[in-house]
PDB file of N, CA and C in Angstrom:
ATOM      1  N   UNK A   1    -175.517 160.498 -42.367  1.00  0.00           N
ATOM      2  CA  UNK A   1    -174.209 160.047 -42.813  1.00  0.00           C
ATOM      3  C   UNK A   1    -173.184 160.457 -41.747  1.00  0.00           C
ATOM      4  N   UNK A   2    -172.367 159.517 -41.308  1.00  0.00           N
ATOM      5  CA  UNK A   2    -171.365 159.838 -40.290  1.00  0.00           C
ATOM      6  C   UNK A   2    -170.166 160.506 -40.934  1.00  0.00           C
ATOM      7  N   UNK A   3    -169.318 161.086 -40.100  1.00  0.00           N
ATOM      8  CA  UNK A   3    -168.164 161.817 -40.634  1.00  0.00           C
ATOM      9  C   UNK A   3    -167.129 160.887 -41.249  1.00  0.00           C
ATOM     10  N   UNK A   4    -167.131 159.592 -40.864  1.00  0.00           N
ATOM     11  CA  UNK A   4    -166.141 158.673 -41.425  1.00  0.00           C
ATOM     12  C   UNK A   4    -166.702 157.838 -42.571  1.00  0.00           C
ATOM     13  N   UNK A   5    -167.997 157.868 -42.801  1.00  0.00           N
ATOM     14  CA  UNK A   5    -168.601 157.123 -43.899  1.00  0.00           C
ATOM     15  C   UNK A   5    -169.141 158.106 -44.925  1.00  0.00           C
ATOM     16  N   UNK A   6    -168.739 157.911 -46.148  1.00  0.00           N
ATOM     17  CA  UNK A   6    -169.173 158.778 -47.239  1.00  0.00           C
ATOM     18  C   UNK A   6    -169.933 157.942 -48.258  1.00  0.00           C
ATOM     19  N   UNK A   7    -171.062 158.451 -48.717  1.00  0.00           N
ATOM     20  CA  UNK A   7    -171.855 157.751 -49.712  1.00  0.00           C
ATOM     21  C   UNK A   7    -171.293 157.992 -51.109  1.00  0.00           C
ATOM     22  N   UNK A   8    -171.565 157.033 -51.996  1.00  0.00           N
ATOM     23  CA  UNK A   8    -171.228 157.183 -53.409  1.00  0.00           C
ATOM     24  C   UNK A   8    -172.546 157.198 -54.171  1.00  0.00           C
ATOM     25  N   UNK A   9    -172.724 158.239 -54.967  1.00  0.00           N
ATOM     26  CA  UNK A   9    -173.941 158.429 -55.756  1.00  0.00           C
ATOM     27  C   UNK A   9    -173.592 158.615 -57.226  1.00  0.00           C
ATOM     28  N   UNK A  10    -174.523 158.287 -58.101  1.00  0.00           N
ATOM     29  CA  UNK A  10    -174.431 158.732 -59.486  1.00  0.00           C
ATOM     30  C   UNK A  10    -174.922 160.165 -59.472  1.00  0.00           C
ATOM     31  N   UNK A  11    -174.145 161.057 -60.062  1.00  0.00           N
ATOM     32  CA  UNK A  11    -174.499 162.473 -60.101  1.00  0.00           C
ATOM     33  C   UNK A  11    -174.521 162.954 -61.551  1.00  0.00           C
ATOM     34  N   UNK A  12    -175.303 163.971 -61.807  1.00  0.00           N
ATOM     35  CA  UNK A  12    -175.434 164.540 -63.141  1.00  0.00           C
ATOM     36  C   UNK A  12    -174.573 165.796 -63.230  1.00  0.00           C
ATOM     37  N   UNK A  13    -173.477 165.709 -63.978  1.00  0.00           N
ATOM     38  CA  UNK A  13    -172.572 166.851 -64.147  1.00  0.00           C
ATOM     39  C   UNK A  13    -172.722 167.478 -65.530  1.00  0.00           C
ATOM     40  N   UNK A  14    -173.903 167.330 -66.127  1.00  0.00           N
ATOM     41  CA  UNK A  14    -174.177 167.943 -67.425  1.00  0.00           C
ATOM     42  C   UNK A  14    -173.931 169.447 -67.327  1.00  0.00           C
ATOM     43  N   UNK A  15    -173.305 170.000 -68.346  1.00  0.00           N
ATOM     44  CA  UNK A  15    -173.054 171.437 -68.382  1.00  0.00           C
ATOM     45  C   UNK A  15    -171.657 171.817 -67.932  1.00  0.00           C
ATOM     46  N   UNK A  16    -170.842 170.822 -67.570  1.00  0.00           N
ATOM     47  CA  UNK A  16    -169.457 171.125 -67.182  1.00  0.00           C
ATOM     48  C   UNK A  16    -168.692 171.607 -68.414  1.00  0.00           C
ATOM     49  N   UNK A  17    -167.598 172.290 -68.175  1.00  0.00           N
ATOM     50  CA  UNK A  17    -166.809 172.856 -69.279  1.00  0.00           C
ATOM     51  C   UNK A  17    -165.360 172.408 -69.212  1.00  0.00           C
ATOM     52  N   UNK A  18    -164.678 172.512 -70.347  1.00  0.00           N
ATOM     53  CA  UNK A  18    -163.243 172.246 -70.410  1.00  0.00           C
ATOM     54  C   UNK A  18    -162.881 170.876 -69.858  1.00  0.00           C
ATOM     55  N   UNK A  19    -161.954 170.858 -68.910  1.00  0.00           N
ATOM     56  CA  UNK A  19    -161.454 169.598 -68.342  1.00  0.00           C
ATOM     57  C   UNK A  19    -162.252 169.126 -67.138  1.00  0.00           C
ATOM     58  N   UNK A  20    -163.347 169.829 -66.803  1.00  0.00           N
ATOM     59  CA  UNK A  20    -164.192 169.394 -65.696  1.00  0.00           C
ATOM     60  C   UNK A  20    -164.843 168.053 -66.052  1.00  0.00           C
ATOM     61  N   UNK A  21    -165.118 167.244 -65.049  1.00  0.00           N
ATOM     62  CA  UNK A  21    -165.831 165.986 -65.272  1.00  0.00           C
ATOM     63  C   UNK A  21    -167.237 166.290 -65.736  1.00  0.00           C
ATOM     64  N   UNK A  22    -167.708 165.511 -66.699  1.00  0.00           N
ATOM     65  CA  UNK A  22    -168.987 165.778 -67.351  1.00  0.00           C
ATOM     66  C   UNK A  22    -169.927 164.583 -67.224  1.00  0.00           C
ATOM     67  N   UNK A  23    -171.160 164.829 -67.578  1.00  0.00           N
ATOM     68  CA  UNK A  23    -172.200 163.825 -67.723  1.00  0.00           C
ATOM     69  C   UNK A  23    -172.502 163.106 -66.414  1.00  0.00           C
ATOM     70  N   UNK A  24    -173.271 162.045 -66.490  1.00  0.00           N
ATOM     71  CA  UNK A  24    -173.619 161.288 -65.292  1.00  0.00           C
ATOM     72  C   UNK A  24    -172.473 160.345 -64.938  1.00  0.00           C
ATOM     73  N   UNK A  25    -172.095 160.350 -63.658  1.00  0.00           N
ATOM     74  CA  UNK A  25    -170.972 159.527 -63.197  1.00  0.00           C
ATOM     75  C   UNK A  25    -171.058 159.350 -61.693  1.00  0.00           C
ATOM     76  N   UNK A  26    -170.307 158.389 -61.159  1.00  0.00           N
ATOM     77  CA  UNK A  26    -170.259 158.246 -59.704  1.00  0.00           C
ATOM     78  C   UNK A  26    -169.436 159.368 -59.071  1.00  0.00           C
ATOM     79  N   UNK A  27    -169.799 159.700 -57.848  1.00  0.00           N
ATOM     80  CA  UNK A  27    -169.059 160.705 -57.084  1.00  0.00           C
ATOM     81  C   UNK A  27    -169.214 160.394 -55.598  1.00  0.00           C
ATOM     82  N   UNK A  28    -168.200 160.766 -54.841  1.00  0.00           N
ATOM     83  CA  UNK A  28    -168.255 160.645 -53.388  1.00  0.00           C
ATOM     84  C   UNK A  28    -168.959 161.883 -52.847  1.00  0.00           C
ATOM     85  N   UNK A  29    -169.975 161.677 -52.028  1.00  0.00           N
ATOM     86  CA  UNK A  29    -170.638 162.805 -51.371  1.00  0.00           C
ATOM     87  C   UNK A  29    -169.816 163.106 -50.124  1.00  0.00           C
ATOM     88  N   UNK A  30    -168.964 164.115 -50.220  1.00  0.00           N
ATOM     89  CA  UNK A  30    -168.026 164.406 -49.140  1.00  0.00           C
ATOM     90  C   UNK A  30    -168.695 165.140 -47.983  1.00  0.00           C
ATOM     91  N   UNK A  31    -169.616 166.032 -48.305  1.00  0.00           N
ATOM     92  CA  UNK A  31    -170.284 166.809 -47.251  1.00  0.00           C
ATOM     93  C   UNK A  31    -171.705 167.090 -47.687  1.00  0.00           C
ATOM     94  N   UNK A  32    -172.653 166.756 -46.823  1.00  0.00           N
ATOM     95  CA  UNK A  32    -174.058 167.033 -47.081  1.00  0.00           C
ATOM     96  C   UNK A  32    -174.393 168.400 -46.494  1.00  0.00           C
ATOM     97  N   UNK A  33    -174.774 169.337 -47.344  1.00  0.00           N
ATOM     98  CA  UNK A  33    -175.159 170.680 -46.910  1.00  0.00           C
ATOM     99  C   UNK A  33    -176.680 170.792 -47.016  1.00  0.00           C
ATOM    100  N   UNK A  34    -177.352 169.905 -46.301  1.00  0.00           N
ATOM    101  CA  UNK A  34    -178.799 169.767 -46.423  1.00  0.00           C
ATOM    102  C   UNK A  34    -179.549 171.063 -46.148  1.00  0.00           C
ATOM    103  N   UNK A  35    -179.037 171.884 -45.237  1.00  0.00           N
ATOM    104  CA  UNK A  35    -179.724 173.137 -44.885  1.00  0.00           C
ATOM    105  C   UNK A  35    -179.828 174.101 -46.064  1.00  0.00           C
ATOM    106  N   UNK A  36    -178.986 173.921 -47.084  1.00  0.00           N
ATOM    107  CA  UNK A  36    -179.084 174.745 -48.295  1.00  0.00           C
ATOM    108  C   UNK A  36    -179.314 173.879 -49.536  1.00  0.00           C
ATOM    109  N   UNK A  37    -179.683 172.619 -49.312  1.00  0.00           N
ATOM    110  CA  UNK A  37    -180.011 171.673 -50.380  1.00  0.00           C
ATOM    111  C   UNK A  37    -178.878 171.509 -51.397  1.00  0.00           C
ATOM    112  N   UNK A  38    -177.647 171.467 -50.866  1.00  0.00           N
ATOM    113  CA  UNK A  38    -176.474 171.247 -51.704  1.00  0.00           C
ATOM    114  C   UNK A  38    -175.593 170.192 -51.048  1.00  0.00           C
ATOM    115  N   UNK A  39    -174.585 169.741 -51.781  1.00  0.00           N
ATOM    116  CA  UNK A  39    -173.600 168.818 -51.234  1.00  0.00           C
ATOM    117  C   UNK A  39    -172.259 169.074 -51.920  1.00  0.00           C
ATOM    118  N   UNK A  40    -171.209 168.677 -51.235  1.00  0.00           N
ATOM    119  CA  UNK A  40    -169.856 168.786 -51.769  1.00  0.00           C
ATOM    120  C   UNK A  40    -169.464 167.393 -52.261  1.00  0.00           C
ATOM    121  N   UNK A  41    -169.049 167.301 -53.528  1.00  0.00           N
ATOM    122  CA  UNK A  41    -168.761 165.999 -54.122  1.00  0.00           C
ATOM    123  C   UNK A  41    -167.339 165.935 -54.675  1.00  0.00           C
ATOM    124  N   UNK A  42    -166.834 164.702 -54.727  1.00  0.00           N
ATOM    125  CA  UNK A  42    -165.563 164.409 -55.379  1.00  0.00           C
ATOM    126  C   UNK A  42    -165.889 163.435 -56.508  1.00  0.00           C
ATOM    127  N   UNK A  43    -165.768 163.870 -57.771  1.00  0.00           N
ATOM    128  CA  UNK A  43    -166.109 162.994 -58.889  1.00  0.00           C
ATOM    129  C   UNK A  43    -165.143 161.820 -59.010  1.00  0.00           C
ATOM    130  N   UNK A  44    -165.665 160.724 -59.545  1.00  0.00           N
ATOM    131  CA  UNK A  44    -164.874 159.525 -59.821  1.00  0.00           C
ATOM    132  C   UNK A  44    -164.807 159.319 -61.321  1.00  0.00           C
ATOM    133  N   UNK A  45    -163.716 158.712 -61.784  1.00  0.00           N
ATOM    134  CA  UNK A  45    -163.580 158.368 -63.194  1.00  0.00           C
ATOM    135  C   UNK A  45    -162.966 156.981 -63.311  1.00  0.00           C
ATOM    136  N   UNK A  46    -163.317 156.282 -64.404  1.00  0.00           N
ATOM    137  CA  UNK A  46    -162.749 154.961 -64.675  1.00  0.00           C
ATOM    138  C   UNK A  46    -161.527 155.051 -65.586  1.00  0.00           C
ATOM    139  N   UNK A  47    -161.174 156.248 -66.032  1.00  0.00           N
ATOM    140  CA  UNK A  47    -160.056 156.431 -66.945  1.00  0.00           C
ATOM    141  C   UNK A  47    -158.738 156.174 -66.207  1.00  0.00           C
ATOM    142  N   UNK A  48    -158.012 155.096 -66.566  1.00  0.00           N
ATOM    143  CA  UNK A  48    -156.807 154.721 -65.816  1.00  0.00           C
ATOM    144  C   UNK A  48    -155.696 155.779 -65.827  1.00  0.00           C
ATOM    145  N   UNK A  49    -155.595 156.562 -66.890  1.00  0.00           N
ATOM    146  CA  UNK A  49    -154.524 157.553 -67.002  1.00  0.00           C
ATOM    147  C   UNK A  49    -154.599 158.623 -65.917  1.00  0.00           C
ATOM    148  N   UNK A  50    -155.761 158.809 -65.319  1.00  0.00           N
ATOM    149  CA  UNK A  50    -155.918 159.863 -64.313  1.00  0.00           C
ATOM    150  C   UNK A  50    -155.196 159.550 -63.002  1.00  0.00           C
ATOM    151  N   UNK A  51    -154.804 158.283 -62.814  1.00  0.00           N
ATOM    152  CA  UNK A  51    -154.081 157.913 -61.598  1.00  0.00           C
ATOM    153  C   UNK A  51    -152.762 158.668 -61.468  1.00  0.00           C
ATOM    154  N   UNK A  52    -152.198 159.119 -62.582  1.00  0.00           N
ATOM    155  CA  UNK A  52    -150.908 159.814 -62.549  1.00  0.00           C
ATOM    156  C   UNK A  52    -151.024 161.262 -62.086  1.00  0.00           C
ATOM    157  N   UNK A  53    -152.256 161.800 -62.068  1.00  0.00           N
ATOM    158  CA  UNK A  53    -152.448 163.186 -61.650  1.00  0.00           C
ATOM    159  C   UNK A  53    -152.242 163.324 -60.147  1.00  0.00           C
ATOM    160  N   UNK A  54    -151.776 164.485 -59.742  1.00  0.00           N
ATOM    161  CA  UNK A  54    -151.675 164.790 -58.315  1.00  0.00           C
ATOM    162  C   UNK A  54    -153.085 164.921 -57.731  1.00  0.00           C
ATOM    163  N   UNK A  55    -153.214 164.665 -56.449  1.00  0.00           N
ATOM    164  CA  UNK A  55    -154.462 164.836 -55.702  1.00  0.00           C
ATOM    165  C   UNK A  55    -155.577 163.930 -56.214  1.00  0.00           C
ATOM    166  N   UNK A  56    -155.212 162.659 -56.417  1.00  0.00           N
ATOM    167  CA  UNK A  56    -156.178 161.635 -56.788  1.00  0.00           C
ATOM    168  C   UNK A  56    -155.986 160.444 -55.854  1.00  0.00           C
ATOM    169  N   UNK A  57    -156.965 159.546 -55.860  1.00  0.00           N
ATOM    170  CA  UNK A  57    -156.881 158.340 -55.045  1.00  0.00           C
ATOM    171  C   UNK A  57    -157.654 157.227 -55.750  1.00  0.00           C
ATOM    172  N   UNK A  58    -157.016 156.054 -55.882  1.00  0.00           N
ATOM    173  CA  UNK A  58    -157.629 154.916 -56.563  1.00  0.00           C
ATOM    174  C   UNK A  58    -158.540 154.148 -55.603  1.00  0.00           C
ATOM    175  N   UNK A  59    -159.800 153.975 -56.005  1.00  0.00           N
ATOM    176  CA  UNK A  59    -160.786 153.242 -55.208  1.00  0.00           C
ATOM    177  C   UNK A  59    -161.093 151.932 -55.935  1.00  0.00           C
ATOM    178  N   UNK A  60    -160.856 150.819 -55.258  1.00  0.00           N
ATOM    179  CA  UNK A  60    -161.171 149.505 -55.830  1.00  0.00           C
ATOM    180  C   UNK A  60    -162.626 149.161 -55.552  1.00  0.00           C
ATOM    181  N   UNK A  61    -163.260 148.429 -56.478  1.00  0.00           N
ATOM    182  CA  UNK A  61    -164.672 148.080 -56.286  1.00  0.00           C
ATOM    183  C   UNK A  61    -164.867 147.080 -55.142  1.00  0.00           C
ATOM    184  N   UNK A  62    -165.932 147.290 -54.377  1.00  0.00           N
ATOM    185  CA  UNK A  62    -166.342 146.354 -53.323  1.00  0.00           C
ATOM    186  C   UNK A  62    -167.861 146.255 -53.364  1.00  0.00           C
ATOM    187  N   UNK A  63    -168.392 145.279 -52.692  1.00  0.00           N
ATOM    188  CA  UNK A  63    -169.852 145.193 -52.618  1.00  0.00           C
ATOM    189  C   UNK A  63    -170.414 146.381 -51.848  1.00  0.00           C
ATOM    190  N   UNK A  64    -169.647 146.909 -50.887  1.00  0.00           N
ATOM    191  CA  UNK A  64    -170.118 148.044 -50.094  1.00  0.00           C
ATOM    192  C   UNK A  64    -170.190 149.325 -50.923  1.00  0.00           C
ATOM    193  N   UNK A  65    -169.156 149.584 -51.767  1.00  0.00           N
ATOM    194  CA  UNK A  65    -169.160 150.860 -52.492  1.00  0.00           C
ATOM    195  C   UNK A  65    -169.961 150.806 -53.793  1.00  0.00           C
ATOM    196  N   UNK A  66    -170.281 149.633 -54.292  1.00  0.00           N
ATOM    197  CA  UNK A  66    -171.134 149.510 -55.473  1.00  0.00           C
ATOM    198  C   UNK A  66    -170.460 149.829 -56.793  1.00  0.00           C
ATOM    199  N   UNK A  67    -169.161 150.110 -56.778  1.00  0.00           N
ATOM    200  CA  UNK A  67    -168.448 150.401 -58.030  1.00  0.00           C
ATOM    201  C   UNK A  67    -168.210 149.100 -58.780  1.00  0.00           C
ATOM    202  N   UNK A  68    -168.213 149.157 -60.119  1.00  0.00           N
ATOM    203  CA  UNK A  68    -167.997 147.943 -60.899  1.00  0.00           C
ATOM    204  C   UNK A  68    -166.594 147.865 -61.497  1.00  0.00           C
ATOM    205  N   UNK A  69    -165.816 148.932 -61.357  1.00  0.00           N
ATOM    206  CA  UNK A  69    -164.430 148.962 -61.850  1.00  0.00           C
ATOM    207  C   UNK A  69    -163.606 149.833 -60.917  1.00  0.00           C
ATOM    208  N   UNK A  70    -162.272 149.664 -60.991  1.00  0.00           N
ATOM    209  CA  UNK A  70    -161.410 150.586 -60.260  1.00  0.00           C
ATOM    210  C   UNK A  70    -161.708 151.992 -60.753  1.00  0.00           C
ATOM    211  N   UNK A  71    -161.809 152.922 -59.820  1.00  0.00           N
ATOM    212  CA  UNK A  71    -162.169 154.299 -60.161  1.00  0.00           C
ATOM    213  C   UNK A  71    -161.245 155.253 -59.418  1.00  0.00           C
ATOM    214  N   UNK A  72    -160.872 156.312 -60.086  1.00  0.00           N
ATOM    215  CA  UNK A  72    -160.004 157.312 -59.476  1.00  0.00           C
ATOM    216  C   UNK A  72    -160.847 158.452 -58.925  1.00  0.00           C
ATOM    217  N   UNK A  73    -160.663 158.723 -57.630  1.00  0.00           N
ATOM    218  CA  UNK A  73    -161.309 159.874 -57.009  1.00  0.00           C
ATOM    219  C   UNK A  73    -160.497 161.108 -57.395  1.00  0.00           C
ATOM    220  N   UNK A  74    -161.113 162.019 -58.115  1.00  0.00           N
ATOM    221  CA  UNK A  74    -160.440 163.234 -58.578  1.00  0.00           C
ATOM    222  C   UNK A  74    -160.619 164.318 -57.514  1.00  0.00           C
ATOM    223  N   UNK A  75    -159.851 164.190 -56.454  1.00  0.00           N
ATOM    224  CA  UNK A  75    -159.988 165.081 -55.304  1.00  0.00           C
ATOM    225  C   UNK A  75    -159.782 166.540 -55.724  1.00  0.00           C
ATOM    226  N   UNK A  76    -158.905 166.783 -56.665  1.00  0.00           N
ATOM    227  CA  UNK A  76    -158.641 168.153 -57.126  1.00  0.00           C
ATOM    228  C   UNK A  76    -159.837 168.765 -57.846  1.00  0.00           C
ATOM    229  N   UNK A  77    -160.851 167.952 -58.171  1.00  0.00           N
ATOM    230  CA  UNK A  77    -162.054 168.478 -58.827  1.00  0.00           C
ATOM    231  C   UNK A  77    -163.238 168.554 -57.858  1.00  0.00           C
ATOM    232  N   UNK A  78    -162.959 168.652 -56.572  1.00  0.00           N
ATOM    233  CA  UNK A  78    -164.018 168.775 -55.572  1.00  0.00           C
ATOM    234  C   UNK A  78    -164.891 169.986 -55.905  1.00  0.00           C
ATOM    235  N   UNK A  79    -166.212 169.822 -55.746  1.00  0.00           N
ATOM    236  CA  UNK A  79    -167.129 170.922 -56.078  1.00  0.00           C
ATOM    237  C   UNK A  79    -168.450 170.770 -55.340  1.00  0.00           C
ATOM    238  N   UNK A  80    -169.194 171.849 -55.312  1.00  0.00           N
ATOM    239  CA  UNK A  80    -170.523 171.839 -54.700  1.00  0.00           C
ATOM    240  C   UNK A  80    -171.574 171.656 -55.786  1.00  0.00           C
ATOM    241  N   UNK A  81    -172.610 170.887 -55.449  1.00  0.00           N
ATOM    242  CA  UNK A  81    -173.707 170.644 -56.381  1.00  0.00           C
ATOM    243  C   UNK A  81    -175.041 170.835 -55.684  1.00  0.00           C
ATOM    244  N   UNK A  82    -176.026 171.277 -56.439  1.00  0.00           N
ATOM    245  CA  UNK A  82    -177.396 171.261 -55.956  1.00  0.00           C
ATOM    246  C   UNK A  82    -177.812 169.800 -55.822  1.00  0.00           C
ATOM    247  N   UNK A  83    -178.559 169.474 -54.771  1.00  0.00           N
ATOM    248  CA  UNK A  83    -178.937 168.084 -54.533  1.00  0.00           C
ATOM    249  C   UNK A  83    -179.853 167.522 -55.613  1.00  0.00           C
ATOM    250  N   UNK A  84    -180.427 168.376 -56.453  1.00  0.00           N
ATOM    251  CA  UNK A  84    -181.243 167.881 -57.565  1.00  0.00           C
ATOM    252  C   UNK A  84    -180.387 167.130 -58.588  1.00  0.00           C
ATOM    253  N   UNK A  85    -179.063 167.294 -58.525  1.00  0.00           N
ATOM    254  CA  UNK A  85    -178.153 166.578 -59.433  1.00  0.00           C
ATOM    255  C   UNK A  85    -177.818 165.168 -58.952  1.00  0.00           C
ATOM    256  N   UNK A  86    -178.262 164.808 -57.754  1.00  0.00           N
ATOM    257  CA  UNK A  86    -178.047 163.449 -57.252  1.00  0.00           C
ATOM    258  C   UNK A  86    -179.046 162.528 -57.943  1.00  0.00           C
ATOM    259  N   UNK A  87    -178.532 161.499 -58.621  1.00  0.00           N
ATOM    260  CA  UNK A  87    -179.388 160.615 -59.408  1.00  0.00           C
ATOM    261  C   UNK A  87    -179.781 159.375 -58.609  1.00  0.00           C
ATOM    262  N   UNK A  88    -178.784 158.650 -58.075  1.00  0.00           N
ATOM    263  CA  UNK A  88    -179.073 157.394 -57.388  1.00  0.00           C
ATOM    264  C   UNK A  88    -177.891 157.001 -56.507  1.00  0.00           C
ATOM    265  N   UNK A  89    -178.183 156.598 -55.274  1.00  0.00           N
ATOM    266  CA  UNK A  89    -177.124 156.104 -54.392  1.00  0.00           C
ATOM    267  C   UNK A  89    -176.688 154.732 -54.882  1.00  0.00           C
ATOM    268  N   UNK A  90    -175.352 154.533 -54.959  1.00  0.00           N
ATOM    269  CA  UNK A  90    -174.857 153.226 -55.394  1.00  0.00           C
ATOM    270  C   UNK A  90    -174.080 152.502 -54.300  1.00  0.00           C
ATOM    271  N   UNK A  91    -173.694 153.191 -53.233  1.00  0.00           N
ATOM    272  CA  UNK A  91    -172.977 152.519 -52.155  1.00  0.00           C
ATOM    273  C   UNK A  91    -172.363 153.504 -51.188  1.00  0.00           C
ATOM    274  N   UNK A  92    -171.435 152.978 -50.384  1.00  0.00           N
ATOM    275  CA  UNK A  92    -170.719 153.797 -49.407  1.00  0.00           C
ATOM    276  C   UNK A  92    -169.233 153.475 -49.477  1.00  0.00           C
ATOM    277  N   UNK A  93    -168.427 154.490 -49.318  1.00  0.00           N
ATOM    278  CA  UNK A  93    -166.973 154.342 -49.347  1.00  0.00           C
ATOM    279  C   UNK A  93    -166.513 153.666 -48.059  1.00  0.00           C
ATOM    280  N   UNK A  94    -165.598 152.719 -48.167  1.00  0.00           N
ATOM    281  CA  UNK A  94    -165.031 152.067 -46.986  1.00  0.00           C
ATOM    282  C   UNK A  94    -164.313 153.099 -46.123  1.00  0.00           C
ATOM    283  N   UNK A  95    -164.293 152.864 -44.811  1.00  0.00           N
ATOM    284  CA  UNK A  95    -163.682 153.803 -43.874  1.00  0.00           C
ATOM    285  C   UNK A  95    -162.202 154.039 -44.185  1.00  0.00           C
ATOM    286  N   UNK A  96    -161.481 152.985 -44.571  1.00  0.00           N
ATOM    287  CA  UNK A  96    -160.058 153.164 -44.888  1.00  0.00           C
ATOM    288  C   UNK A  96    -159.886 154.059 -46.115  1.00  0.00           C
ATOM    289  N   UNK A  97    -160.749 153.905 -47.113  1.00  0.00           N
ATOM    290  CA  UNK A  97    -160.699 154.780 -48.291  1.00  0.00           C
ATOM    291  C   UNK A  97    -161.062 156.216 -47.908  1.00  0.00           C
ATOM    292  N   UNK A  98    -162.025 156.379 -47.005  1.00  0.00           N
ATOM    293  CA  UNK A  98    -162.405 157.728 -46.538  1.00  0.00           C
ATOM    294  C   UNK A  98    -161.202 158.436 -45.928  1.00  0.00           C
ATOM    295  N   UNK A  99    -160.470 157.712 -45.102  1.00  0.00           N
ATOM    296  CA  UNK A  99    -159.299 158.303 -44.449  1.00  0.00           C
ATOM    297  C   UNK A  99    -158.236 158.697 -45.471  1.00  0.00           C
ATOM    298  N   UNK A 100    -158.027 157.858 -46.472  1.00  0.00           N
ATOM    299  CA  UNK A 100    -157.023 158.160 -47.501  1.00  0.00           C
ATOM    300  C   UNK A 100    -157.438 159.363 -48.348  1.00  0.00           C
ATOM    301  N   UNK A 101    -158.713 159.415 -48.733  1.00  0.00           N
ATOM    302  CA  UNK A 101    -159.204 160.567 -49.498  1.00  0.00           C
ATOM    303  C   UNK A 101    -159.073 161.831 -48.654  1.00  0.00           C
ATOM    304  N   UNK A 102    -159.369 161.737 -47.359  1.00  0.00           N
ATOM    305  CA  UNK A 102    -159.242 162.900 -46.465  1.00  0.00           C
ATOM    306  C   UNK A 102    -157.806 163.396 -46.423  1.00  0.00           C
ATOM    307  N   UNK A 103    -156.842 162.497 -46.433  1.00  0.00           N
ATOM    308  CA  UNK A 103    -155.427 162.902 -46.430  1.00  0.00           C
ATOM    309  C   UNK A 103    -155.065 163.618 -47.725  1.00  0.00           C
ATOM    310  N   UNK A 104    -155.563 163.113 -48.859  1.00  0.00           N
ATOM    311  CA  UNK A 104    -155.306 163.777 -50.146  1.00  0.00           C
ATOM    312  C   UNK A 104    -155.939 165.166 -50.137  1.00  0.00           C
ATOM    313  N   UNK A 105    -157.158 165.269 -49.638  1.00  0.00           N
ATOM    314  CA  UNK A 105    -157.849 166.561 -49.568  1.00  0.00           C
ATOM    315  C   UNK A 105    -157.101 167.522 -48.651  1.00  0.00           C
ATOM    316  N   UNK A 106    -156.634 167.021 -47.548  1.00  0.00           N
ATOM    317  CA  UNK A 106    -155.869 167.852 -46.605  1.00  0.00           C
ATOM    318  C   UNK A 106    -154.608 168.394 -47.274  1.00  0.00           C
ATOM    319  N   UNK A 107    -153.917 167.543 -48.031  1.00  0.00           N
ATOM    320  CA  UNK A 107    -152.724 167.973 -48.740  1.00  0.00           C
ATOM    321  C   UNK A 107    -153.065 169.000 -49.814  1.00  0.00           C
ATOM    322  N   UNK A 108    -154.166 168.774 -50.538  1.00  0.00           N
ATOM    323  CA  UNK A 108    -154.599 169.709 -51.583  1.00  0.00           C
ATOM    324  C   UNK A 108    -154.887 171.091 -50.997  1.00  0.00           C
ATOM    325  N   UNK A 109    -155.601 171.109 -49.891  1.00  0.00           N
ATOM    326  CA  UNK A 109    -156.020 172.389 -49.298  1.00  0.00           C
ATOM    327  C   UNK A 109    -155.011 172.934 -48.287  1.00  0.00           C
ATOM    328  N   UNK A 110    -154.016 172.147 -47.945  1.00  0.00           N
ATOM    329  CA  UNK A 110    -152.944 172.550 -47.013  1.00  0.00           C
ATOM    330  C   UNK A 110    -153.497 173.095 -45.703  1.00  0.00           C
ATOM    331  N   UNK A 111    -154.382 172.289 -45.062  1.00  0.00           N
ATOM    332  CA  UNK A 111    -154.881 172.690 -43.750  1.00  0.00           C
ATOM    333  C   UNK A 111    -154.429 171.734 -42.698  1.00  0.00           C
TER     334      UNK A 111
END
């Protein structure tokens, strides 16, 4: 995976608590940590109300990304997962969307 192309996978977030994203859902694989069999993911949601939250980005469906509805990238919920939670690859994020998500992440982390 190149640094400008990010894959979108269905991931299993079973066991999340409180306001964390739960169950199986799409997520952007932001960083592959293959040497420790983990990855850093940004969960996606189809819930339209989440667009109003800070540190989010709206991703429109394309044939490349494999999404079937507009989905909000919940950048503020970035987390690491064991790769055993990766269920199925559904597509890849467009380069322009990657750049926009990176800007939101940069603002969130203030680097």
